[in-house]
Amino acid sequence: MNHEMSGIGVRYKKEILNKVDQIVVLKEGVVIDNGTYDELAGKNDELNIMIKKVD
């Protein structure tokens, strides 16, 4: 069985971000980066700042 789903989430808990296919990082309404959690975690300071605020 193939399940396809699209969604938009406004969450940045690490446990959830690890499970999604694609993350889009916005700053002031502008896309500043996108990719998987593994791709972004090492290079995107904005994403890391958001995660640290929640954890």
C-alpha atoms as a PDB file:
ATOM      1  CA  MET A   1       0.000   0.000   0.000  1.00  0.00           C
ATOM      2  CA  ASN A   2       1.379   3.406  -0.999  1.00  0.00           C
ATOM      3  CA  HIS A   3       0.421   6.371   1.143  1.00  0.00           C
ATOM      4  CA  GLU A   4       1.224   9.852  -0.064  1.00  0.00           C
ATOM      5  CA  MET A   5       0.597  12.879   2.060  1.00  0.00           C
ATOM      6  CA  SER A   6       1.524  16.530   1.934  1.00  0.00           C
ATOM      7  CA  GLY A   7       1.337  18.895   4.839  1.00  0.00           C
ATOM      8  CA  ILE A   8       2.627  22.097   6.255  1.00  0.00           C
ATOM      9  CA  GLY A   9       3.790  22.122   9.833  1.00  0.00           C
ATOM     10  CA  VAL A  10       4.879  24.974  11.981  1.00  0.00           C
ATOM     11  CA  ARG A  11       6.931  22.936  14.403  1.00  0.00           C
ATOM     12  CA  TYR A  12      10.588  22.505  14.923  1.00  0.00           C
ATOM     13  CA  LYS A  13      11.027  19.745  17.459  1.00  0.00           C
ATOM     14  CA  LYS A  14      13.948  17.612  16.430  1.00  0.00           C
ATOM     15  CA  GLU A  15      11.969  14.373  16.859  1.00  0.00           C
ATOM     16  CA  ILE A  16       9.430  15.538  14.260  1.00  0.00           C
ATOM     17  CA  LEU A  17      11.900  17.114  11.839  1.00  0.00           C
ATOM     18  CA  ASN A  18      13.809  13.825  11.598  1.00  0.00           C
ATOM     19  CA  LYS A  19      10.686  12.133  10.186  1.00  0.00           C
ATOM     20  CA  VAL A  20       9.779  14.500   7.341  1.00  0.00           C
ATOM     21  CA  ASP A  21      11.007  14.287   3.747  1.00  0.00           C
ATOM     22  CA  GLN A  22      11.604  17.986   3.190  1.00  0.00           C
ATOM     23  CA  ILE A  23      12.054  20.992   5.468  1.00  0.00           C
ATOM     24  CA  VAL A  24      11.657  24.545   4.219  1.00  0.00           C
ATOM     25  CA  VAL A  25      13.224  27.213   6.443  1.00  0.00           C
ATOM     26  CA  LEU A  26      11.526  30.616   6.313  1.00  0.00           C
ATOM     27  CA  LYS A  27      12.760  33.886   7.729  1.00  0.00           C
ATOM     28  CA  GLU A  28      10.418  36.863   7.642  1.00  0.00           C
ATOM     29  CA  GLY A  29       8.311  35.055   5.023  1.00  0.00           C
ATOM     30  CA  VAL A  30      11.213  34.332   2.666  1.00  0.00           C
ATOM     31  CA  VAL A  31      12.559  30.842   1.942  1.00  0.00           C
ATOM     32  CA  ILE A  32      16.178  30.830   3.072  1.00  0.00           C
ATOM     33  CA  ASP A  33      16.915  27.091   2.799  1.00  0.00           C
ATOM     34  CA  ASN A  34      15.400  23.673   2.242  1.00  0.00           C
ATOM     35  CA  GLY A  35      16.377  20.024   2.478  1.00  0.00           C
ATOM     36  CA  THR A  36      16.212  17.085   4.863  1.00  0.00           C
ATOM     37  CA  TYR A  37      16.988  17.453   8.540  1.00  0.00           C
ATOM     38  CA  ASP A  38      20.381  15.809   8.061  1.00  0.00           C
ATOM     39  CA  GLU A  39      21.237  18.181   5.209  1.00  0.00           C
ATOM     40  CA  LEU A  40      20.184  21.289   7.108  1.00  0.00           C
ATOM     41  CA  ALA A  41      21.269  20.496  10.671  1.00  0.00           C
ATOM     42  CA  GLY A  42      24.940  21.002   9.973  1.00  0.00           C
ATOM     43  CA  LYS A  43      24.680  24.113   7.856  1.00  0.00           C
ATOM     44  CA  ASN A  44      21.585  26.146   8.712  1.00  0.00           C
ATOM     45  CA  ASP A  45      22.015  28.393  11.746  1.00  0.00           C
ATOM     46  CA  GLU A  46      18.388  29.587  11.684  1.00  0.00           C
ATOM     47  CA  LEU A  47      17.087  26.015  11.975  1.00  0.00           C
ATOM     48  CA  ASN A  48      19.540  25.203  14.778  1.00  0.00           C
ATOM     49  CA  ILE A  49      18.544  28.342  16.696  1.00  0.00           C
ATOM     50  CA  MET A  50      14.853  27.413  16.453  1.00  0.00           C
ATOM     51  CA  ILE A  51      15.519  23.844  17.620  1.00  0.00           C
ATOM     52  CA  LYS A  52      17.570  25.023  20.617  1.00  0.00           C
ATOM     53  CA  LYS A  53      14.778  27.394  21.705  1.00  0.00           C
ATOM     54  CA  VAL A  54      12.311  24.477  21.830  1.00  0.00           C
ATOM     55  CA  ASP A  55      14.548  21.756  23.313  1.00  0.00           C
END
